[in-house]
Amino acid sequence: MGVFEFVMADMARKYRLKQRAERQAQTRQRIVEAAVELHTTLGPAHTSMVAIAERAGVERPTLYRHFSTMQDLFSACSSHHWAQNPPPDPEPWLKINDPEARLRQGLMELYTYYSDHEPGLWKILRDLEDMPELRPFAAHRIAHRQRVRDVLASAWPDRGPQQKFLMAALAHAVDFFAWRSLRRQGLTNEGAIELIVRFVKAI
């Protein structure tokens, strides 16, 4: 084989490898998207690997080549869902010095996010509550909720021994299940925010 033929063969081999890698990446993405769709409609606890393979249009051996365990798949799904549906960033709220105004702004952004994604979040968070072994996959969501609480709390004067009550009230205010409970009582987001603001101010 001459130099030219060797170079052309090498280029062809690299092209085939690139195409194979792209197909594998597309298959992996299809599996993740299928799993997220099932997680947000049925819930993670009610989603089997068989169902995911069927939804993604792949054979089970193909699924297991990409994700050897359900935990590996959960991790990929969690990252994908977070990237596609990012919650509000609390850092800009730090520019709002008035504690009540910051609280109202933060809760409005958070509650709007909850409203927009309620069906899927309910299925996912419900199963995370019922299955502690799934909670590590919500670590970034838990950290975000804690950061939201801390940003909202930092605008209020320190209450000394009573500070724990403020923190508990704000942790309750930013919790998805607390928001959902208020909505199920017939409150709008605006009404829920007004109730929470009065609650926090009364502490």
N, C-alpha and C. Protein backbone atom coordinates (compact mmCIF):
# COMPACT_ATOMS: atom_id res chain seq x y z
N MET A 1 0.84 -1.19 0.00
CA MET A 1 0.00 0.00 0.00
C MET A 1 0.88 1.24 0.00
N GLY A 2 0.63 2.16 -0.94
CA GLY A 2 1.40 3.37 -1.01
C GLY A 2 0.99 4.36 0.07
N VAL A 3 1.76 5.45 0.14
CA VAL A 3 1.48 6.47 1.17
C VAL A 3 0.09 7.05 0.99
N PHE A 4 -0.28 7.34 -0.27
CA PHE A 4 -1.59 7.93 -0.53
C PHE A 4 -2.71 7.00 -0.10
N GLU A 5 -2.59 5.71 -0.47
CA GLU A 5 -3.61 4.75 -0.10
C GLU A 5 -3.70 4.59 1.41
N PHE A 6 -2.54 4.62 2.08
CA PHE A 6 -2.51 4.50 3.55
C PHE A 6 -3.22 5.68 4.20
N VAL A 7 -2.94 6.89 3.69
CA VAL A 7 -3.56 8.09 4.25
C VAL A 7 -5.07 8.05 4.04
N MET A 8 -5.51 7.65 2.84
CA MET A 8 -6.93 7.58 2.55
C MET A 8 -7.63 6.54 3.42
N ALA A 9 -6.98 5.40 3.62
CA ALA A 9 -7.55 4.35 4.47
C ALA A 9 -7.67 4.82 5.91
N ASP A 10 -6.64 5.54 6.37
CA ASP A 10 -6.66 6.05 7.74
C ASP A 10 -7.78 7.07 7.91
N MET A 11 -7.94 7.94 6.91
CA MET A 11 -9.01 8.94 6.97
C MET A 11 -10.39 8.27 6.98
N ALA A 12 -10.53 7.22 6.17
CA ALA A 12 -11.80 6.50 6.13
C ALA A 12 -12.10 5.83 7.46
N ARG A 13 -11.06 5.26 8.07
CA ARG A 13 -11.24 4.62 9.38
C ARG A 13 -11.65 5.64 10.42
N LYS A 14 -11.01 6.80 10.44
CA LYS A 14 -11.35 7.84 11.41
C LYS A 14 -12.77 8.35 11.19
N TYR A 15 -13.16 8.42 9.91
CA TYR A 15 -14.51 8.89 9.60
C TYR A 15 -15.55 7.89 10.12
N ARG A 16 -15.27 6.60 9.92
CA ARG A 16 -16.19 5.56 10.41
C ARG A 16 -16.29 5.59 11.93
N LEU A 17 -15.14 5.79 12.59
CA LEU A 17 -15.14 5.86 14.05
C LEU A 17 -15.94 7.08 14.53
N LYS A 18 -15.79 8.19 13.82
CA LYS A 18 -16.53 9.40 14.19
C LYS A 18 -18.03 9.18 14.04
N GLN A 19 -18.41 8.55 12.92
CA GLN A 19 -19.83 8.27 12.70
C GLN A 19 -20.37 7.33 13.77
N ARG A 20 -19.59 6.34 14.14
CA ARG A 20 -20.02 5.40 15.18
C ARG A 20 -20.21 6.12 16.51
N ALA A 21 -19.25 7.00 16.83
CA ALA A 21 -19.35 7.74 18.09
C ALA A 21 -20.57 8.65 18.09
N GLU A 22 -20.87 9.26 16.96
CA GLU A 22 -22.04 10.13 16.87
C GLU A 22 -23.32 9.33 17.03
N ARG A 23 -23.37 8.15 16.41
CA ARG A 23 -24.56 7.30 16.55
C ARG A 23 -24.75 6.87 18.00
N GLN A 24 -23.65 6.53 18.66
CA GLN A 24 -23.73 6.12 20.06
C GLN A 24 -24.22 7.28 20.94
N ALA A 25 -23.71 8.48 20.66
CA ALA A 25 -24.13 9.65 21.43
C ALA A 25 -25.61 9.93 21.21
N GLN A 26 -26.07 9.77 19.97
CA GLN A 26 -27.49 9.98 19.67
C GLN A 26 -28.36 8.94 20.36
N THR A 27 -27.89 7.71 20.38
CA THR A 27 -28.65 6.64 21.06
C THR A 27 -28.72 6.91 22.55
N ARG A 28 -27.60 7.30 23.13
CA ARG A 28 -27.56 7.61 24.56
C ARG A 28 -28.53 8.75 24.88
N GLN A 29 -28.51 9.79 24.05
CA GLN A 29 -29.39 10.93 24.27
C GLN A 29 -30.86 10.50 24.17
N ARG A 30 -31.16 9.63 23.21
CA ARG A 30 -32.53 9.16 23.04
C ARG A 30 -32.99 8.37 24.26
N ILE A 31 -32.10 7.60 24.82
CA ILE A 31 -32.43 6.82 26.02
C ILE A 31 -32.71 7.75 27.19
N VAL A 32 -31.85 8.75 27.37
CA VAL A 32 -32.03 9.70 28.48
C VAL A 32 -33.34 10.46 28.33
N GLU A 33 -33.62 10.93 27.13
CA GLU A 33 -34.86 11.68 26.91
C GLU A 33 -36.09 10.79 27.14
N ALA A 34 -36.01 9.53 26.73
CA ALA A 34 -37.12 8.61 26.97
C ALA A 34 -37.33 8.39 28.46
N ALA A 35 -36.23 8.24 29.20
CA ALA A 35 -36.33 8.02 30.64
C ALA A 35 -36.90 9.24 31.34
N VAL A 36 -36.45 10.44 30.95
CA VAL A 36 -36.98 11.67 31.56
C VAL A 36 -38.47 11.80 31.29
N GLU A 37 -38.89 11.47 30.07
CA GLU A 37 -40.31 11.54 29.73
C GLU A 37 -41.12 10.61 30.63
N LEU A 38 -40.62 9.41 30.86
CA LEU A 38 -41.34 8.46 31.72
C LEU A 38 -41.28 8.89 33.18
N HIS A 39 -40.13 9.42 33.60
CA HIS A 39 -40.00 9.87 34.99
C HIS A 39 -40.98 11.00 35.30
N THR A 40 -41.22 11.87 34.32
CA THR A 40 -42.09 13.02 34.56
C THR A 40 -43.56 12.72 34.29
N THR A 41 -43.85 11.54 33.77
CA THR A 41 -45.26 11.17 33.56
C THR A 41 -45.70 10.05 34.49
N LEU A 42 -44.79 9.11 34.77
CA LEU A 42 -45.11 8.00 35.66
C LEU A 42 -44.43 8.12 37.02
N GLY A 43 -43.25 8.73 37.03
CA GLY A 43 -42.44 8.79 38.24
C GLY A 43 -41.29 7.79 38.15
N PRO A 44 -40.12 8.13 38.71
CA PRO A 44 -38.97 7.21 38.65
C PRO A 44 -39.26 5.84 39.25
N ALA A 45 -40.02 5.81 40.33
CA ALA A 45 -40.29 4.54 41.01
C ALA A 45 -41.14 3.60 40.17
N HIS A 46 -41.85 4.15 39.19
CA HIS A 46 -42.76 3.34 38.38
C HIS A 46 -42.25 3.19 36.95
N THR A 47 -40.98 3.48 36.74
CA THR A 47 -40.38 3.39 35.42
C THR A 47 -39.36 2.25 35.40
N SER A 48 -39.57 1.29 34.54
CA SER A 48 -38.65 0.15 34.44
C SER A 48 -37.68 0.34 33.29
N MET A 49 -36.58 -0.39 33.34
CA MET A 49 -35.61 -0.35 32.25
C MET A 49 -36.25 -0.86 30.96
N VAL A 50 -37.16 -1.83 31.08
CA VAL A 50 -37.84 -2.36 29.89
C VAL A 50 -38.67 -1.26 29.23
N ALA A 51 -39.39 -0.51 30.05
CA ALA A 51 -40.23 0.57 29.51
C ALA A 51 -39.37 1.65 28.85
N ILE A 52 -38.23 1.95 29.46
CA ILE A 52 -37.34 2.96 28.89
C ILE A 52 -36.80 2.50 27.54
N ALA A 53 -36.39 1.24 27.47
CA ALA A 53 -35.88 0.70 26.20
C ALA A 53 -36.95 0.77 25.12
N GLU A 54 -38.18 0.40 25.48
CA GLU A 54 -39.26 0.44 24.50
C GLU A 54 -39.54 1.86 24.04
N ARG A 55 -39.57 2.82 24.98
CA ARG A 55 -39.83 4.21 24.63
C ARG A 55 -38.72 4.78 23.76
N ALA A 56 -37.49 4.38 24.03
CA ALA A 56 -36.35 4.88 23.26
C ALA A 56 -36.17 4.17 21.93
N GLY A 57 -36.86 3.04 21.76
CA GLY A 57 -36.75 2.29 20.52
C GLY A 57 -35.44 1.54 20.40
N VAL A 58 -34.93 1.03 21.52
CA VAL A 58 -33.69 0.27 21.51
C VAL A 58 -33.91 -1.08 22.21
N GLU A 59 -33.01 -2.00 21.94
CA GLU A 59 -33.05 -3.28 22.64
C GLU A 59 -32.45 -3.11 24.04
N ARG A 60 -32.85 -3.98 24.94
CA ARG A 60 -32.32 -3.89 26.30
C ARG A 60 -30.81 -4.02 26.37
N PRO A 61 -30.17 -4.89 25.59
CA PRO A 61 -28.70 -4.93 25.63
C PRO A 61 -28.07 -3.60 25.25
N THR A 62 -28.70 -2.88 24.30
CA THR A 62 -28.19 -1.56 23.92
C THR A 62 -28.30 -0.59 25.08
N LEU A 63 -29.44 -0.63 25.77
CA LEU A 63 -29.63 0.26 26.91
C LEU A 63 -28.57 -0.02 27.98
N TYR A 64 -28.34 -1.30 28.26
CA TYR A 64 -27.38 -1.64 29.31
C TYR A 64 -25.94 -1.36 28.90
N ARG A 65 -25.66 -1.30 27.60
CA ARG A 65 -24.31 -0.92 27.18
C ARG A 65 -24.04 0.54 27.51
N HIS A 66 -25.08 1.34 27.45
CA HIS A 66 -24.92 2.76 27.77
C HIS A 66 -25.07 3.04 29.26
N PHE A 67 -25.96 2.30 29.91
CA PHE A 67 -26.22 2.50 31.34
C PHE A 67 -26.33 1.12 31.99
N SER A 68 -25.28 0.73 32.65
CA SER A 68 -25.24 -0.62 33.22
C SER A 68 -26.17 -0.79 34.41
N THR A 69 -26.51 0.32 35.09
CA THR A 69 -27.41 0.25 36.23
C THR A 69 -28.45 1.36 36.15
N MET A 70 -29.54 1.17 36.85
CA MET A 70 -30.57 2.20 36.92
C MET A 70 -30.02 3.47 37.56
N GLN A 71 -29.07 3.31 38.49
CA GLN A 71 -28.47 4.47 39.14
C GLN A 71 -27.71 5.34 38.14
N ASP A 72 -26.98 4.69 37.22
CA ASP A 72 -26.28 5.44 36.19
C ASP A 72 -27.26 6.24 35.33
N LEU A 73 -28.37 5.62 35.02
CA LEU A 73 -29.38 6.28 34.20
C LEU A 73 -30.04 7.42 34.96
N PHE A 74 -30.34 7.21 36.24
CA PHE A 74 -30.93 8.26 37.06
C PHE A 74 -30.03 9.49 37.09
N SER A 75 -28.74 9.27 37.24
CA SER A 75 -27.79 10.37 37.31
C SER A 75 -27.81 11.18 36.01
N ALA A 76 -27.80 10.49 34.87
CA ALA A 76 -27.84 11.17 33.58
C ALA A 76 -29.16 11.90 33.39
N CYS A 77 -30.26 11.29 33.81
CA CYS A 77 -31.58 11.91 33.67
C CYS A 77 -31.69 13.17 34.53
N SER A 78 -31.16 13.08 35.74
CA SER A 78 -31.21 14.22 36.65
C SER A 78 -30.48 15.42 36.06
N SER A 79 -29.30 15.17 35.51
CA SER A 79 -28.51 16.24 34.90
C SER A 79 -29.22 16.82 33.68
N HIS A 80 -29.81 15.94 32.88
CA HIS A 80 -30.50 16.38 31.67
C HIS A 80 -31.72 17.23 32.02
N HIS A 81 -32.53 16.75 32.96
CA HIS A 81 -33.75 17.48 33.34
C HIS A 81 -33.40 18.83 33.94
N TRP A 82 -32.34 18.87 34.74
CA TRP A 82 -31.91 20.13 35.37
C TRP A 82 -31.47 21.12 34.30
N ALA A 83 -30.71 20.63 33.31
CA ALA A 83 -30.21 21.51 32.24
C ALA A 83 -31.35 22.03 31.36
N GLN A 84 -32.34 21.18 31.12
CA GLN A 84 -33.45 21.58 30.27
C GLN A 84 -34.48 22.44 31.00
N ASN A 85 -34.55 22.31 32.31
CA ASN A 85 -35.55 23.03 33.11
C ASN A 85 -34.89 23.66 34.34
N PRO A 86 -33.98 24.59 34.13
CA PRO A 86 -33.26 25.17 35.27
C PRO A 86 -34.18 26.01 36.16
N PRO A 87 -34.06 25.86 37.46
CA PRO A 87 -34.86 26.67 38.38
C PRO A 87 -34.31 28.10 38.43
N PRO A 88 -35.05 29.03 39.01
CA PRO A 88 -34.58 30.42 39.06
C PRO A 88 -33.27 30.56 39.84
N ASP A 89 -32.44 31.44 39.36
CA ASP A 89 -31.15 31.72 40.01
C ASP A 89 -31.37 32.72 41.14
N PRO A 90 -31.08 32.37 42.39
CA PRO A 90 -31.34 33.29 43.50
C PRO A 90 -30.31 34.40 43.66
N GLU A 91 -29.16 34.27 43.00
CA GLU A 91 -28.09 35.24 43.23
C GLU A 91 -28.48 36.68 42.90
N PRO A 92 -29.21 36.95 41.81
CA PRO A 92 -29.60 38.34 41.54
C PRO A 92 -30.47 38.96 42.63
N TRP A 93 -31.14 38.12 43.40
CA TRP A 93 -32.00 38.66 44.46
C TRP A 93 -31.19 39.37 45.54
N LEU A 94 -29.90 39.07 45.63
CA LEU A 94 -29.07 39.70 46.64
C LEU A 94 -28.97 41.22 46.44
N LYS A 95 -29.28 41.68 45.24
CA LYS A 95 -29.25 43.12 44.97
C LYS A 95 -30.47 43.84 45.54
N ILE A 96 -31.47 43.08 45.95
CA ILE A 96 -32.68 43.67 46.54
C ILE A 96 -32.48 43.73 48.05
N ASN A 97 -32.29 44.92 48.57
CA ASN A 97 -31.95 45.06 49.99
C ASN A 97 -33.16 44.92 50.91
N ASP A 98 -34.30 45.38 50.45
CA ASP A 98 -35.49 45.29 51.29
C ASP A 98 -35.89 43.83 51.47
N PRO A 99 -35.97 43.34 52.69
CA PRO A 99 -36.24 41.90 52.91
C PRO A 99 -37.58 41.45 52.37
N GLU A 100 -38.63 42.27 52.54
CA GLU A 100 -39.94 41.86 52.04
C GLU A 100 -39.95 41.84 50.51
N ALA A 101 -39.33 42.84 49.89
CA ALA A 101 -39.28 42.89 48.43
C ALA A 101 -38.49 41.71 47.88
N ARG A 102 -37.39 41.36 48.56
CA ARG A 102 -36.60 40.21 48.11
C ARG A 102 -37.40 38.92 48.25
N LEU A 103 -38.12 38.81 49.36
CA LEU A 103 -38.92 37.61 49.58
C LEU A 103 -40.00 37.48 48.51
N ARG A 104 -40.67 38.59 48.19
CA ARG A 104 -41.72 38.55 47.18
C ARG A 104 -41.14 38.20 45.81
N GLN A 105 -40.02 38.79 45.46
CA GLN A 105 -39.43 38.52 44.16
C GLN A 105 -38.98 37.06 44.05
N GLY A 106 -38.30 36.59 45.09
CA GLY A 106 -37.83 35.21 45.08
C GLY A 106 -38.95 34.20 45.00
N LEU A 107 -39.99 34.41 45.81
CA LEU A 107 -41.10 33.47 45.80
C LEU A 107 -41.88 33.51 44.49
N MET A 108 -42.00 34.71 43.90
CA MET A 108 -42.71 34.79 42.63
C MET A 108 -41.98 34.01 41.55
N GLU A 109 -40.66 34.15 41.49
CA GLU A 109 -39.90 33.40 40.49
C GLU A 109 -39.96 31.90 40.77
N LEU A 110 -39.83 31.53 42.03
CA LEU A 110 -39.84 30.12 42.39
C LEU A 110 -41.22 29.50 42.16
N TYR A 111 -42.26 30.20 42.57
CA TYR A 111 -43.61 29.66 42.43
C TYR A 111 -44.03 29.60 40.96
N THR A 112 -43.56 30.54 40.16
CA THR A 112 -43.83 30.48 38.72
C THR A 112 -43.17 29.24 38.12
N TYR A 113 -41.95 28.96 38.56
CA TYR A 113 -41.25 27.75 38.11
C TYR A 113 -42.02 26.50 38.52
N TYR A 114 -42.48 26.47 39.76
CA TYR A 114 -43.26 25.33 40.22
C TYR A 114 -44.53 25.17 39.39
N SER A 115 -45.21 26.28 39.09
CA SER A 115 -46.44 26.22 38.31
C SER A 115 -46.18 25.68 36.91
N ASP A 116 -45.09 26.14 36.30
CA ASP A 116 -44.78 25.74 34.93
C ASP A 116 -44.40 24.26 34.82
N HIS A 117 -43.86 23.70 35.90
CA HIS A 117 -43.34 22.33 35.84
C HIS A 117 -44.00 21.40 36.86
N GLU A 118 -45.15 21.79 37.36
CA GLU A 118 -45.77 21.05 38.46
C GLU A 118 -45.98 19.56 38.17
N PRO A 119 -46.57 19.16 37.03
CA PRO A 119 -46.85 17.72 36.84
C PRO A 119 -45.60 16.86 36.92
N GLY A 120 -44.53 17.26 36.21
CA GLY A 120 -43.31 16.47 36.23
C GLY A 120 -42.61 16.51 37.57
N LEU A 121 -42.55 17.70 38.18
CA LEU A 121 -41.89 17.82 39.49
C LEU A 121 -42.61 16.99 40.54
N TRP A 122 -43.94 16.98 40.47
CA TRP A 122 -44.71 16.21 41.44
C TRP A 122 -44.37 14.73 41.35
N LYS A 123 -44.32 14.20 40.14
CA LYS A 123 -44.01 12.78 39.97
C LYS A 123 -42.61 12.46 40.50
N ILE A 124 -41.65 13.31 40.18
CA ILE A 124 -40.27 13.05 40.58
C ILE A 124 -40.08 13.21 42.08
N LEU A 125 -40.50 14.36 42.62
CA LEU A 125 -40.27 14.65 44.04
C LEU A 125 -41.09 13.74 44.94
N ARG A 126 -42.27 13.35 44.48
CA ARG A 126 -43.09 12.39 45.25
C ARG A 126 -42.32 11.09 45.44
N ASP A 127 -41.72 10.59 44.37
CA ASP A 127 -40.99 9.32 44.47
C ASP A 127 -39.71 9.48 45.28
N LEU A 128 -39.10 10.64 45.20
CA LEU A 128 -37.89 10.87 46.00
C LEU A 128 -38.21 10.87 47.50
N GLU A 129 -39.39 11.36 47.83
CA GLU A 129 -39.82 11.34 49.23
C GLU A 129 -40.07 9.91 49.70
N ASP A 130 -40.65 9.10 48.83
CA ASP A 130 -41.03 7.74 49.20
C ASP A 130 -39.86 6.76 49.12
N MET A 131 -38.84 7.08 48.34
CA MET A 131 -37.71 6.17 48.13
C MET A 131 -36.41 6.89 48.46
N PRO A 132 -35.97 6.81 49.72
CA PRO A 132 -34.74 7.51 50.13
C PRO A 132 -33.52 7.15 49.28
N GLU A 133 -33.51 5.95 48.71
CA GLU A 133 -32.35 5.55 47.92
C GLU A 133 -32.21 6.37 46.64
N LEU A 134 -33.28 7.08 46.25
CA LEU A 134 -33.22 7.91 45.06
C LEU A 134 -32.76 9.33 45.37
N ARG A 135 -32.75 9.71 46.63
CA ARG A 135 -32.49 11.11 46.99
C ARG A 135 -31.10 11.63 46.59
N PRO A 136 -30.06 10.78 46.55
CA PRO A 136 -28.76 11.31 46.10
C PRO A 136 -28.82 11.94 44.72
N PHE A 137 -29.78 11.52 43.89
CA PHE A 137 -29.88 12.07 42.54
C PHE A 137 -30.55 13.44 42.53
N ALA A 138 -31.02 13.87 43.68
CA ALA A 138 -31.63 15.20 43.80
C ALA A 138 -30.73 16.14 44.59
N ALA A 139 -29.46 15.79 44.72
CA ALA A 139 -28.55 16.59 45.55
C ALA A 139 -28.48 18.04 45.09
N HIS A 140 -28.40 18.26 43.76
CA HIS A 140 -28.30 19.63 43.27
C HIS A 140 -29.60 20.39 43.51
N ARG A 141 -30.74 19.68 43.45
CA ARG A 141 -32.02 20.33 43.71
C ARG A 141 -32.15 20.71 45.18
N ILE A 142 -31.68 19.85 46.06
CA ILE A 142 -31.70 20.14 47.49
C ILE A 142 -30.78 21.32 47.81
N ALA A 143 -29.59 21.33 47.20
CA ALA A 143 -28.65 22.42 47.42
C ALA A 143 -29.22 23.74 46.92
N HIS A 144 -29.92 23.69 45.80
CA HIS A 144 -30.53 24.91 45.27
C HIS A 144 -31.59 25.44 46.23
N ARG A 145 -32.43 24.57 46.75
CA ARG A 145 -33.47 25.00 47.68
C ARG A 145 -32.87 25.62 48.94
N GLN A 146 -31.78 25.05 49.42
CA GLN A 146 -31.11 25.61 50.60
C GLN A 146 -30.51 26.97 50.30
N ARG A 147 -29.95 27.12 49.09
CA ARG A 147 -29.38 28.42 48.71
C ARG A 147 -30.47 29.47 48.60
N VAL A 148 -31.62 29.09 48.02
CA VAL A 148 -32.74 30.02 47.94
C VAL A 148 -33.15 30.48 49.34
N ARG A 149 -33.28 29.55 50.26
CA ARG A 149 -33.63 29.90 51.63
C ARG A 149 -32.61 30.86 52.23
N ASP A 150 -31.33 30.57 52.05
CA ASP A 150 -30.28 31.39 52.65
C ASP A 150 -30.26 32.80 52.06
N VAL A 151 -30.46 32.90 50.75
CA VAL A 151 -30.48 34.22 50.10
C VAL A 151 -31.65 35.04 50.62
N LEU A 152 -32.80 34.42 50.76
CA LEU A 152 -33.97 35.14 51.28
C LEU A 152 -33.77 35.52 52.74
N ALA A 153 -33.16 34.64 53.51
CA ALA A 153 -32.96 34.91 54.94
C ALA A 153 -31.95 36.02 55.18
N SER A 154 -30.96 36.15 54.31
CA SER A 154 -29.87 37.10 54.55
C SER A 154 -30.33 38.55 54.51
N ALA A 155 -31.52 38.81 53.97
CA ALA A 155 -32.01 40.19 53.92
C ALA A 155 -32.63 40.62 55.24
N TRP A 156 -33.02 39.64 56.07
CA TRP A 156 -33.71 39.96 57.33
C TRP A 156 -32.69 40.14 58.46
N PRO A 157 -32.97 41.04 59.40
CA PRO A 157 -32.07 41.19 60.56
C PRO A 157 -31.98 39.89 61.34
N ASP A 158 -30.81 39.63 61.88
CA ASP A 158 -30.63 38.42 62.67
C ASP A 158 -31.51 38.48 63.92
N ARG A 159 -32.23 37.41 64.18
CA ARG A 159 -33.16 37.39 65.30
C ARG A 159 -32.61 36.67 66.52
N GLY A 160 -31.33 36.42 66.52
CA GLY A 160 -30.74 35.77 67.67
C GLY A 160 -31.32 34.39 67.89
N PRO A 161 -31.78 34.10 69.11
CA PRO A 161 -32.33 32.77 69.40
C PRO A 161 -33.55 32.43 68.54
N GLN A 162 -34.22 33.47 68.02
CA GLN A 162 -35.42 33.24 67.20
C GLN A 162 -35.09 33.01 65.73
N GLN A 163 -33.79 33.09 65.37
CA GLN A 163 -33.41 32.95 63.98
C GLN A 163 -33.83 31.59 63.40
N LYS A 164 -33.82 30.58 64.25
CA LYS A 164 -34.18 29.25 63.77
C LYS A 164 -35.61 29.21 63.26
N PHE A 165 -36.48 30.05 63.83
CA PHE A 165 -37.86 30.08 63.38
C PHE A 165 -37.97 30.74 62.00
N LEU A 166 -37.18 31.78 61.79
CA LEU A 166 -37.15 32.41 60.47
C LEU A 166 -36.67 31.42 59.42
N MET A 167 -35.58 30.71 59.72
CA MET A 167 -35.03 29.75 58.77
C MET A 167 -36.03 28.64 58.47
N ALA A 168 -36.73 28.18 59.50
CA ALA A 168 -37.72 27.12 59.31
C ALA A 168 -38.88 27.62 58.45
N ALA A 169 -39.31 28.86 58.70
CA ALA A 169 -40.42 29.43 57.93
C ALA A 169 -40.03 29.57 56.46
N LEU A 170 -38.82 30.02 56.20
CA LEU A 170 -38.38 30.20 54.81
C LEU A 170 -38.15 28.85 54.12
N ALA A 171 -37.62 27.89 54.87
CA ALA A 171 -37.44 26.55 54.29
C ALA A 171 -38.79 25.97 53.90
N HIS A 172 -39.79 26.21 54.73
CA HIS A 172 -41.14 25.75 54.41
C HIS A 172 -41.69 26.49 53.19
N ALA A 173 -41.42 27.79 53.11
CA ALA A 173 -41.95 28.62 52.03
C ALA A 173 -41.44 28.20 50.67
N VAL A 174 -40.19 27.73 50.59
CA VAL A 174 -39.60 27.40 49.29
C VAL A 174 -39.77 25.93 48.94
N ASP A 175 -40.40 25.17 49.80
CA ASP A 175 -40.60 23.75 49.55
C ASP A 175 -41.72 23.53 48.52
N PHE A 176 -41.48 22.67 47.56
CA PHE A 176 -42.46 22.40 46.52
C PHE A 176 -43.77 21.88 47.09
N PHE A 177 -43.70 20.99 48.07
CA PHE A 177 -44.90 20.39 48.62
C PHE A 177 -45.71 21.42 49.41
N ALA A 178 -45.03 22.36 50.07
CA ALA A 178 -45.74 23.41 50.78
C ALA A 178 -46.48 24.31 49.79
N TRP A 179 -45.77 24.67 48.70
CA TRP A 179 -46.41 25.48 47.65
C TRP A 179 -47.62 24.74 47.08
N ARG A 180 -47.46 23.46 46.80
CA ARG A 180 -48.55 22.68 46.20
C ARG A 180 -49.74 22.59 47.14
N SER A 181 -49.46 22.48 48.43
CA SER A 181 -50.54 22.42 49.41
C SER A 181 -51.35 23.72 49.41
N LEU A 182 -50.65 24.85 49.34
CA LEU A 182 -51.35 26.14 49.32
C LEU A 182 -52.18 26.28 48.05
N ARG A 183 -51.65 25.82 46.91
CA ARG A 183 -52.40 25.90 45.67
C ARG A 183 -53.63 25.01 45.73
N ARG A 184 -53.50 23.86 46.38
CA ARG A 184 -54.64 22.94 46.49
C ARG A 184 -55.72 23.50 47.42
N GLN A 185 -55.35 24.48 48.24
CA GLN A 185 -56.34 25.16 49.08
C GLN A 185 -57.06 26.27 48.33
N GLY A 186 -56.69 26.43 47.06
CA GLY A 186 -57.37 27.43 46.23
C GLY A 186 -56.65 28.75 46.10
N LEU A 187 -55.44 28.86 46.66
CA LEU A 187 -54.70 30.12 46.57
C LEU A 187 -53.97 30.21 45.24
N THR A 188 -53.95 31.41 44.68
CA THR A 188 -53.11 31.67 43.53
C THR A 188 -51.67 31.82 44.01
N ASN A 189 -50.72 31.93 43.10
CA ASN A 189 -49.35 32.18 43.51
C ASN A 189 -49.25 33.48 44.28
N GLU A 190 -49.98 34.50 43.82
CA GLU A 190 -49.96 35.78 44.51
C GLU A 190 -50.52 35.65 45.91
N GLY A 191 -51.60 34.90 46.05
CA GLY A 191 -52.19 34.70 47.37
C GLY A 191 -51.28 33.91 48.28
N ALA A 192 -50.61 32.90 47.75
CA ALA A 192 -49.67 32.11 48.55
C ALA A 192 -48.50 32.97 49.02
N ILE A 193 -48.02 33.83 48.13
CA ILE A 193 -46.91 34.72 48.50
C ILE A 193 -47.34 35.68 49.60
N GLU A 194 -48.54 36.24 49.47
CA GLU A 194 -49.02 37.17 50.49
C GLU A 194 -49.12 36.49 51.85
N LEU A 195 -49.60 35.25 51.86
CA LEU A 195 -49.70 34.50 53.11
C LEU A 195 -48.32 34.26 53.71
N ILE A 196 -47.37 33.85 52.88
CA ILE A 196 -46.02 33.57 53.37
C ILE A 196 -45.36 34.83 53.89
N VAL A 197 -45.52 35.93 53.18
CA VAL A 197 -44.91 37.19 53.63
C VAL A 197 -45.45 37.58 55.00
N ARG A 198 -46.74 37.49 55.18
CA ARG A 198 -47.34 37.83 56.47
C ARG A 198 -46.84 36.86 57.56
N PHE A 199 -46.71 35.62 57.21
CA PHE A 199 -46.24 34.60 58.14
C PHE A 199 -44.83 34.91 58.61
N VAL A 200 -43.94 35.24 57.65
CA VAL A 200 -42.55 35.52 57.97
C VAL A 200 -42.44 36.82 58.79
N LYS A 201 -43.16 37.82 58.42
CA LYS A 201 -43.12 39.11 59.12
C LYS A 201 -43.62 38.98 60.55
N ALA A 202 -44.50 38.01 60.80
CA ALA A 202 -45.06 37.84 62.13
C ALA A 202 -44.11 37.17 63.11
N ILE A 203 -43.05 36.56 62.58
CA ILE A 203 -42.10 35.86 63.45
C ILE A 203 -41.30 36.86 64.28
